[in-house]
Amino acid sequence: MTFAAASSVANAGEVEVLHWWTSGGEAKSAAVLKQMLEKQGDSWKDFAVAGGGGESAMTVLKTRAVSGNPPSAAQIKGHDIQEWGDLGFLTSLDDVAEAGQWDKVLPAVVTKVMKYNGDYVAVPVNVHRVNWLWANPEVFKKAGATVPANMDEFFAAAEKIKAAGFIPLAHGGQPWQDATLFEAIALDILGSQDYNKAFVDLDMDVLSGPKMVETFATFQRMHDYIDDNSPGRDWNIATSMVINGDAAMQIMGDWAKGEFAAAGKQPGKDYICAPAPGTANQFTFNIDSFAFFKLSNKDNEQAQKHLAKTILNKDFQEVFNLNKGSIPVRLDMNMDKFDKCALDSMATFKASAQTGDLVPSMAHGLATTSYVQGAVYDVVTNFFNDTSADPKQAAQQLARAVKAAM
């Protein structure tokens, strides 16, 4: 037994994990993964870079990778996984995937994103629904307003809330947050089919068309209902405004629910989760995932495989997603411990996959390349910050910017 223990310690490896889970609910989730890995005898080197959209983390990762010193795993998703695969940095996880039957327990829409040239190079952690509206019922009650189901109802409620002295919409003025709000409006106005044409197929006619003009015009109206301190605000600070009753609503992915949970708030009582206005039967998906890099140290390679296996462990999937606010990525999970928001999310996820209303998030890098995403960010943010900008010109500019970035 002593020899076995000594061998285990001698062969223990280290995983260095790059992520941007630094807010309350997210940090708690990352800590769970670290603990589960360390129980297997491996060590965890935390490489956390603050910033909800991950832009800062990607800048740091590129520097490390180019210098020949990549981390074991990095929080990368969507098309960025393919780009890192093209560069030859990623390692195959097929042996772990085969042992865990990933092709059977994961949805096809997810496995497609996790593979490069047919090989697993990344592991999904969860599925987020992005098109959520989070609301403080006490603020609505004080303002005499009703939680909106469509855009007309949103603006009617926002007027009442503003008149009552509250901030109608909590928002952080960062490009990815602007894009998150913009895509929720686009999903409503364009519909799922034209949303996909615009942000997946990059159809120039749709990108510059009348529905996109209407999307920009509606997006512009939103500016009247956010506060002057919005620029630069982190998303979780905006969420805390709803939690504390300073603001009535936030349009944000279900990672926001992790902040409500960390604050001890109960869904249906202390806060309301509802689909973003006009998108009740639609699901904009965002998948958190870790891409795994080629390593030269054999012990660290083994620890890397332990990490990949642990991420899809049912116990971790349950604890992590309860903390994070998302839903498990495995289809064979017991959902008894999940709240109504999560159950509604899972039901819509499965139903929308059948109706064609399950669409990838443009704002979070699941719909297109980082180059196109960056072009959209620039146009959307510049437009939102210029209250006199023309929606028609913005739609035309969007099409030009996307075409140049393709």
Protein backbone atom coordinates (compact mmCIF):
# COMPACT_ATOMS: atom_id res chain seq x y z
CA MET A 1 0.00 0.00 0.00
CA THR A 2 2.86 2.35 0.82
CA PHE A 3 4.51 1.59 -2.52
CA ALA A 4 1.21 2.14 -4.37
CA ALA A 5 0.68 5.46 -2.62
CA ALA A 6 4.22 6.55 -3.43
CA SER A 7 3.78 5.55 -7.07
CA SER A 8 0.53 7.49 -7.24
CA VAL A 9 2.20 10.63 -5.93
CA ALA A 10 5.21 10.18 -8.18
CA ASN A 11 3.00 9.86 -11.26
CA ALA A 12 0.60 12.62 -10.31
CA GLY A 13 0.39 15.32 -12.92
CA GLU A 14 -0.57 18.96 -13.02
CA VAL A 15 -3.23 20.66 -15.09
CA GLU A 16 -3.05 24.37 -15.74
CA VAL A 17 -6.51 25.60 -16.64
CA LEU A 18 -7.20 28.93 -18.34
CA HIS A 19 -10.71 30.25 -17.70
CA TRP A 20 -12.62 33.44 -16.97
CA TRP A 21 -14.93 32.14 -14.26
CA THR A 22 -14.20 34.80 -11.69
CA SER A 23 -17.65 35.99 -10.55
CA GLY A 24 -19.42 34.48 -7.51
CA GLY A 25 -21.42 31.63 -9.06
CA GLU A 26 -18.74 30.92 -11.67
CA ALA A 27 -15.82 30.86 -9.25
CA LYS A 28 -17.75 28.43 -7.05
CA SER A 29 -18.24 26.17 -10.07
CA ALA A 30 -14.53 26.24 -10.99
CA ALA A 31 -13.63 25.36 -7.40
CA VAL A 32 -15.73 22.19 -7.61
CA LEU A 33 -13.83 21.00 -10.69
CA LYS A 34 -10.53 21.70 -8.96
CA GLN A 35 -11.55 19.70 -5.88
CA MET A 36 -12.72 16.71 -7.89
CA LEU A 37 -9.48 16.63 -9.86
CA GLU A 38 -7.31 16.91 -6.77
CA LYS A 39 -9.14 13.95 -5.20
CA GLN A 40 -7.70 11.89 -8.06
CA GLY A 41 -4.17 12.86 -7.00
CA ASP A 42 -3.52 15.50 -9.64
CA SER A 43 -2.80 19.16 -8.93
CA TRP A 44 -4.62 22.15 -10.37
CA LYS A 45 -2.88 25.36 -11.35
CA ASP A 46 -5.46 28.09 -11.71
CA PHE A 47 -5.04 30.45 -14.65
CA ALA A 48 -8.03 32.76 -14.22
CA VAL A 49 -8.34 35.91 -16.33
CA ALA A 50 -11.23 38.22 -15.43
CA GLY A 51 -13.66 39.35 -18.12
CA GLY A 52 -17.03 37.74 -18.79
CA GLY A 53 -16.66 37.51 -22.56
CA GLY A 54 -13.18 36.00 -22.47
CA GLU A 55 -11.48 38.56 -24.72
CA SER A 56 -8.68 39.20 -22.21
CA ALA A 57 -8.17 35.47 -21.68
CA MET A 58 -7.78 34.83 -25.41
CA THR A 59 -5.11 37.54 -25.67
CA VAL A 60 -3.12 35.87 -22.88
CA LEU A 61 -3.60 32.40 -24.39
CA LYS A 62 -2.28 33.42 -27.79
CA THR A 63 0.90 34.75 -26.20
CA ARG A 64 1.42 31.53 -24.23
CA ALA A 65 0.69 29.21 -27.15
CA VAL A 66 2.92 31.01 -29.61
CA SER A 67 5.79 30.91 -27.09
CA GLY A 68 5.44 27.13 -26.85
CA ASN A 69 4.01 27.10 -23.32
CA PRO A 70 0.25 26.52 -23.58
CA PRO A 71 -1.88 25.55 -20.58
CA SER A 72 -3.30 22.02 -20.31
CA ALA A 73 -6.79 23.25 -21.12
CA ALA A 74 -8.35 26.58 -21.96
CA GLN A 75 -11.91 27.83 -21.99
CA ILE A 76 -12.47 28.02 -25.75
CA LYS A 77 -15.69 27.51 -27.65
CA GLY A 78 -17.45 27.52 -30.96
CA HIS A 79 -15.54 28.32 -34.11
CA ASP A 80 -12.49 29.28 -32.08
CA ILE A 81 -11.96 25.57 -31.39
CA GLN A 82 -11.64 24.98 -35.14
CA GLU A 83 -9.19 27.85 -35.50
CA TRP A 84 -6.93 26.45 -32.76
CA GLY A 85 -7.21 23.03 -34.41
CA ASP A 86 -6.10 24.51 -37.74
CA LEU A 87 -3.01 25.87 -36.00
CA GLY A 88 -2.10 22.38 -34.78
CA PHE A 89 -2.16 23.15 -31.05
CA LEU A 90 -4.91 20.77 -29.91
CA THR A 91 -4.64 17.14 -28.79
CA SER A 92 -7.04 14.25 -29.42
CA LEU A 93 -9.31 13.09 -26.61
CA ASP A 94 -10.84 10.22 -28.58
CA ASP A 95 -9.69 7.54 -26.11
CA VAL A 96 -11.42 9.33 -23.22
CA ALA A 97 -14.50 10.00 -25.38
CA GLU A 98 -14.80 6.38 -26.44
CA ALA A 99 -14.50 5.13 -22.86
CA GLY A 100 -17.16 7.61 -21.75
CA GLN A 101 -19.46 7.02 -24.76
CA TRP A 102 -19.62 10.74 -25.46
CA ASP A 103 -21.29 10.23 -28.84
CA LYS A 104 -24.25 8.61 -27.06
CA VAL A 105 -24.65 10.88 -24.04
CA LEU A 106 -24.13 14.24 -25.77
CA PRO A 107 -26.48 15.98 -28.24
CA ALA A 108 -25.29 15.96 -31.86
CA VAL A 109 -25.42 19.77 -31.97
CA VAL A 110 -22.83 19.74 -29.17
CA THR A 111 -20.47 17.01 -30.42
CA LYS A 112 -20.20 18.77 -33.77
CA VAL A 113 -18.67 21.79 -32.04
CA MET A 114 -16.29 19.73 -29.89
CA LYS A 115 -14.60 17.88 -32.75
CA TYR A 116 -11.85 18.89 -35.16
CA ASN A 117 -11.49 16.76 -38.28
CA GLY A 118 -13.64 14.11 -36.61
CA ASP A 119 -11.57 13.92 -33.40
CA TYR A 120 -12.65 15.20 -30.00
CA VAL A 121 -10.33 18.06 -29.03
CA ALA A 122 -12.62 19.82 -26.55
CA VAL A 123 -15.02 18.90 -23.78
CA PRO A 124 -18.40 20.63 -23.26
CA VAL A 125 -19.28 21.65 -19.74
CA ASN A 126 -22.88 22.79 -20.08
CA VAL A 127 -25.55 24.38 -22.25
CA HIS A 128 -26.55 27.98 -21.60
CA ARG A 129 -29.71 29.58 -22.86
CA VAL A 130 -28.77 33.14 -23.74
CA ASN A 131 -32.21 34.62 -24.49
CA TRP A 132 -33.42 35.03 -20.90
CA LEU A 133 -35.03 37.97 -19.14
CA TRP A 134 -34.33 38.26 -15.40
CA ALA A 135 -36.75 40.35 -13.38
CA ASN A 136 -37.22 41.60 -9.83
CA PRO A 137 -40.93 41.10 -8.99
CA GLU A 138 -40.86 43.61 -6.13
CA VAL A 139 -39.73 46.39 -8.46
CA PHE A 140 -42.46 45.47 -10.95
CA LYS A 141 -45.02 45.51 -8.15
CA LYS A 142 -43.93 48.95 -6.95
CA ALA A 143 -44.07 50.29 -10.50
CA GLY A 144 -47.43 48.70 -11.28
CA ALA A 145 -45.91 46.93 -14.27
CA THR A 146 -46.12 43.41 -15.70
CA VAL A 147 -43.19 41.23 -16.77
CA PRO A 148 -43.18 41.58 -20.59
CA ALA A 149 -43.73 38.73 -23.03
CA ASN A 150 -43.03 40.79 -26.16
CA MET A 151 -41.29 44.01 -27.16
CA ASP A 152 -44.40 46.19 -27.02
CA GLU A 153 -45.00 45.02 -23.46
CA PHE A 154 -41.32 45.59 -22.65
CA PHE A 155 -41.43 49.27 -23.59
CA ALA A 156 -44.77 49.78 -21.80
CA ALA A 157 -43.36 48.23 -18.63
CA ALA A 158 -40.08 50.16 -18.96
CA GLU A 159 -41.95 53.47 -19.06
CA LYS A 160 -43.80 52.65 -15.83
CA ILE A 161 -40.64 51.46 -14.12
CA LYS A 162 -38.73 54.56 -15.15
CA ALA A 163 -41.55 56.80 -13.92
CA ALA A 164 -41.46 54.99 -10.56
CA GLY A 165 -37.79 55.91 -10.13
CA PHE A 166 -36.14 52.59 -10.94
CA ILE A 167 -33.73 51.62 -13.71
CA PRO A 168 -35.79 49.57 -16.19
CA LEU A 169 -32.89 47.64 -17.74
CA ALA A 170 -29.63 46.71 -16.01
CA HIS A 171 -26.93 46.61 -18.66
CA GLY A 172 -23.16 46.58 -18.85
CA GLY A 173 -21.72 48.68 -21.62
CA GLN A 174 -19.21 46.14 -22.98
CA PRO A 175 -19.20 44.91 -26.59
CA TRP A 176 -20.21 41.33 -25.78
CA GLN A 177 -23.06 42.54 -23.56
CA ASP A 178 -24.26 44.94 -26.24
CA ALA A 179 -24.21 42.04 -28.70
CA THR A 180 -26.12 39.81 -26.25
CA LEU A 181 -28.92 42.36 -26.03
CA PHE A 182 -28.84 42.95 -29.78
CA GLU A 183 -29.11 39.25 -30.70
CA ALA A 184 -32.12 38.76 -28.38
CA ILE A 185 -33.92 41.53 -30.24
CA ALA A 186 -32.77 40.12 -33.58
CA LEU A 187 -34.10 36.66 -32.71
CA ASP A 188 -37.54 38.14 -32.03
CA ILE A 189 -37.71 40.37 -35.09
CA LEU A 190 -35.91 38.18 -37.64
CA GLY A 191 -37.29 34.86 -36.44
CA SER A 192 -35.15 31.73 -36.20
CA GLN A 193 -34.79 31.14 -39.93
CA ASP A 194 -33.62 34.63 -40.81
CA TYR A 195 -31.50 34.77 -37.64
CA ASN A 196 -29.58 31.78 -38.98
CA LYS A 197 -29.39 33.34 -42.45
CA ALA A 198 -27.91 36.49 -40.95
CA PHE A 199 -25.45 35.17 -38.38
CA VAL A 200 -24.65 31.63 -39.55
CA ASP A 201 -25.02 31.82 -43.34
CA LEU A 202 -23.97 35.51 -43.40
CA ASP A 203 -26.64 36.34 -45.97
CA MET A 204 -26.01 39.92 -47.08
CA ASP A 205 -29.63 40.54 -48.05
CA VAL A 206 -30.84 39.66 -44.55
CA LEU A 207 -27.98 41.48 -42.82
CA SER A 208 -28.86 44.72 -44.62
CA GLY A 209 -32.61 44.10 -45.02
CA PRO A 210 -35.69 45.75 -43.50
CA LYS A 211 -35.92 43.33 -40.54
CA MET A 212 -32.35 44.15 -39.56
CA VAL A 213 -33.15 47.86 -39.82
CA GLU A 214 -36.07 47.27 -37.44
CA THR A 215 -33.74 45.34 -35.12
CA PHE A 216 -31.34 48.29 -34.94
CA ALA A 217 -34.22 50.72 -34.38
CA THR A 218 -35.58 48.63 -31.49
CA PHE A 219 -32.08 48.19 -30.06
CA GLN A 220 -31.65 51.97 -30.15
CA ARG A 221 -34.82 52.48 -28.10
CA MET A 222 -33.33 50.32 -25.35
CA HIS A 223 -30.78 53.04 -24.62
CA ASP A 224 -33.51 55.17 -23.05
CA TYR A 225 -33.99 52.62 -20.28
CA ILE A 226 -30.44 52.02 -19.05
CA ASP A 227 -28.53 54.23 -16.61
CA ASP A 228 -25.64 56.60 -17.33
CA ASN A 229 -23.17 54.43 -15.40
CA SER A 230 -23.58 51.50 -17.79
CA PRO A 231 -20.33 51.90 -19.81
CA GLY A 232 -17.68 49.39 -18.74
CA ARG A 233 -19.88 47.68 -16.15
CA ASP A 234 -19.33 43.93 -15.73
CA TRP A 235 -22.33 41.69 -16.36
CA ASN A 236 -22.50 40.38 -12.78
CA ILE A 237 -22.62 43.93 -11.42
CA ALA A 238 -25.63 44.53 -13.67
CA THR A 239 -27.19 41.33 -12.31
CA SER A 240 -26.64 42.56 -8.75
CA MET A 241 -28.65 45.68 -9.65
CA VAL A 242 -31.65 43.43 -10.29
CA ILE A 243 -30.94 41.33 -7.19
CA ASN A 244 -30.75 44.46 -4.99
CA GLY A 245 -33.86 46.08 -6.45
CA ASP A 246 -32.09 49.00 -8.11
CA ALA A 247 -33.13 47.77 -11.56
CA ALA A 248 -36.13 45.81 -12.79
CA MET A 249 -34.73 43.65 -15.59
CA GLN A 250 -31.66 42.26 -17.29
CA ILE A 251 -31.45 40.44 -20.62
CA MET A 252 -28.63 37.98 -20.11
CA GLY A 253 -27.77 34.28 -20.39
CA ASP A 254 -28.65 31.89 -17.61
CA TRP A 255 -25.23 32.25 -16.00
CA ALA A 256 -26.96 35.20 -14.33
CA LYS A 257 -28.97 32.69 -12.33
CA GLY A 258 -25.76 31.62 -10.62
CA GLU A 259 -25.50 35.11 -9.17
CA PHE A 260 -29.06 34.96 -7.82
CA ALA A 261 -28.31 31.56 -6.29
CA ALA A 262 -25.05 32.82 -4.74
CA ALA A 263 -27.07 35.65 -3.17
CA GLY A 264 -29.52 33.15 -1.66
CA LYS A 265 -32.42 34.15 -3.89
CA GLN A 266 -35.22 31.77 -4.90
CA PRO A 267 -36.73 31.61 -8.41
CA GLY A 268 -40.40 32.49 -8.58
CA LYS A 269 -40.17 34.31 -5.26
CA ASP A 270 -37.21 36.68 -5.25
CA TYR A 271 -36.71 36.77 -9.02
CA ILE A 272 -38.42 35.76 -12.23
CA CYS A 273 -36.85 34.04 -15.21
CA ALA A 274 -38.71 34.48 -18.47
CA PRO A 275 -37.78 34.21 -22.14
CA ALA A 276 -36.43 37.43 -23.66
CA PRO A 277 -39.39 39.34 -25.09
CA GLY A 278 -40.84 37.65 -28.17
CA THR A 279 -38.63 34.53 -28.00
CA ALA A 280 -40.67 32.12 -25.85
CA ASN A 281 -40.22 29.01 -28.01
CA GLN A 282 -36.72 29.82 -29.23
CA PHE A 283 -33.39 28.89 -27.70
CA THR A 284 -30.13 30.74 -28.36
CA PHE A 285 -27.45 28.36 -27.18
CA ASN A 286 -24.02 29.01 -25.75
CA ILE A 287 -21.80 26.10 -24.76
CA ASP A 288 -18.96 26.49 -22.30
CA SER A 289 -16.15 24.14 -23.23
CA PHE A 290 -12.47 23.46 -22.66
CA ALA A 291 -10.09 22.81 -25.52
CA PHE A 292 -7.10 20.62 -24.68
CA PHE A 293 -3.57 21.46 -25.82
CA LYS A 294 -0.69 19.21 -26.80
CA LEU A 295 1.71 18.69 -23.89
CA SER A 296 5.19 17.18 -23.69
CA ASN A 297 5.08 15.91 -20.07
CA LYS A 298 3.54 12.39 -19.84
CA ASP A 299 2.29 12.77 -16.26
CA ASN A 300 0.61 16.04 -17.18
CA GLU A 301 -0.92 14.37 -20.23
CA GLN A 302 -2.50 11.77 -17.95
CA ALA A 303 -3.78 14.47 -15.61
CA GLN A 304 -5.20 16.21 -18.68
CA LYS A 305 -7.21 13.08 -19.53
CA HIS A 306 -8.44 12.91 -15.94
CA LEU A 307 -9.69 16.47 -16.30
CA ALA A 308 -11.50 15.69 -19.56
CA LYS A 309 -13.21 12.68 -17.95
CA THR A 310 -14.13 14.62 -14.79
CA ILE A 311 -15.84 17.44 -16.68
CA LEU A 312 -18.45 15.01 -18.02
CA ASN A 313 -18.80 13.09 -14.76
CA LYS A 314 -22.49 13.11 -13.73
CA ASP A 315 -21.71 14.34 -10.20
CA PHE A 316 -19.70 17.27 -11.55
CA GLN A 317 -22.33 18.03 -14.21
CA GLU A 318 -24.98 18.27 -11.50
CA VAL A 319 -23.02 20.37 -8.99
CA PHE A 320 -21.48 22.62 -11.63
CA ASN A 321 -24.72 23.44 -13.43
CA LEU A 322 -26.63 23.98 -10.20
CA ASN A 323 -23.99 26.58 -9.30
CA LYS A 324 -23.62 28.08 -12.75
CA GLY A 325 -27.30 28.43 -13.65
CA SER A 326 -26.97 26.42 -16.86
CA ILE A 327 -28.29 22.97 -17.76
CA PRO A 328 -26.21 19.77 -18.02
CA VAL A 329 -24.84 18.92 -21.43
CA ARG A 330 -25.47 15.19 -20.90
CA LEU A 331 -28.86 13.93 -22.05
CA ASP A 332 -29.01 11.15 -19.43
CA MET A 333 -29.00 13.35 -16.34
CA ASN A 334 -31.43 13.20 -13.43
CA MET A 335 -32.90 16.73 -13.19
CA ASP A 336 -34.68 16.32 -9.83
CA LYS A 337 -32.44 18.86 -8.06
CA PHE A 338 -32.87 21.56 -10.72
CA ASP A 339 -35.29 24.47 -10.37
CA LYS A 340 -38.12 25.53 -12.67
CA CYS A 341 -35.87 27.87 -14.68
CA ALA A 342 -33.53 24.98 -15.52
CA LEU A 343 -36.39 22.59 -16.25
CA ASP A 344 -37.98 25.15 -18.59
CA SER A 345 -34.61 25.63 -20.25
CA MET A 346 -34.10 21.90 -20.80
CA ALA A 347 -37.63 21.49 -22.17
CA THR A 348 -37.17 24.37 -24.61
CA PHE A 349 -33.72 23.10 -25.57
CA LYS A 350 -35.11 19.71 -26.58
CA ALA A 351 -38.25 21.09 -28.23
CA SER A 352 -36.47 23.82 -30.21
CA ALA A 353 -34.05 21.24 -31.59
CA GLN A 354 -37.05 19.63 -33.27
CA THR A 355 -38.68 22.82 -34.59
CA GLY A 356 -35.61 24.59 -35.97
CA ASP A 357 -35.71 27.23 -33.23
CA LEU A 358 -32.45 26.11 -31.59
CA VAL A 359 -29.96 28.69 -32.83
CA PRO A 360 -26.28 29.38 -32.00
CA SER A 361 -25.38 32.56 -30.16
CA MET A 362 -23.62 35.11 -32.33
CA ALA A 363 -22.68 37.18 -29.29
CA HIS A 364 -20.92 34.24 -27.63
CA GLY A 365 -18.98 32.83 -30.56
CA LEU A 366 -21.15 29.83 -31.47
CA ALA A 367 -22.55 31.15 -34.76
CA THR A 368 -19.52 32.31 -36.69
CA THR A 369 -15.79 33.00 -36.61
CA SER A 370 -14.19 35.37 -34.12
CA TYR A 371 -13.37 37.73 -37.02
CA VAL A 372 -17.00 38.09 -38.05
CA GLN A 373 -18.08 38.26 -34.43
CA GLY A 374 -15.63 41.10 -33.84
CA ALA A 375 -16.96 42.97 -36.87
CA VAL A 376 -20.52 42.66 -35.53
CA TYR A 377 -19.39 43.79 -32.07
CA ASP A 378 -17.84 46.94 -33.54
CA VAL A 379 -20.91 47.94 -35.52
CA VAL A 380 -23.39 47.13 -32.75
CA THR A 381 -21.46 48.88 -29.97
CA ASN A 382 -20.66 51.97 -32.03
CA PHE A 383 -24.30 52.24 -33.01
CA PHE A 384 -25.55 51.81 -29.44
CA ASN A 385 -23.21 54.49 -28.14
CA ASP A 386 -24.33 56.99 -30.80
CA THR A 387 -27.94 57.80 -29.97
CA SER A 388 -28.34 59.79 -33.20
CA ALA A 389 -27.17 56.94 -35.46
CA ASP A 390 -29.40 55.90 -38.36
CA PRO A 391 -30.71 52.27 -38.16
CA LYS A 392 -30.80 51.84 -41.95
CA GLN A 393 -27.21 52.96 -42.32
CA ALA A 394 -26.24 50.69 -39.42
CA ALA A 395 -27.74 47.63 -41.16
CA GLN A 396 -25.86 48.47 -44.35
CA GLN A 397 -22.67 48.99 -42.38
CA LEU A 398 -23.19 45.63 -40.66
CA ALA A 399 -23.38 43.83 -43.98
CA ARG A 400 -20.25 45.57 -45.25
CA ALA A 401 -18.31 44.83 -42.04
CA VAL A 402 -19.31 41.14 -42.06
CA LYS A 403 -18.39 40.76 -45.72
CA ALA A 404 -14.98 42.28 -45.10
CA ALA A 405 -14.37 39.93 -42.15
CA MET A 406 -15.38 36.73 -43.97
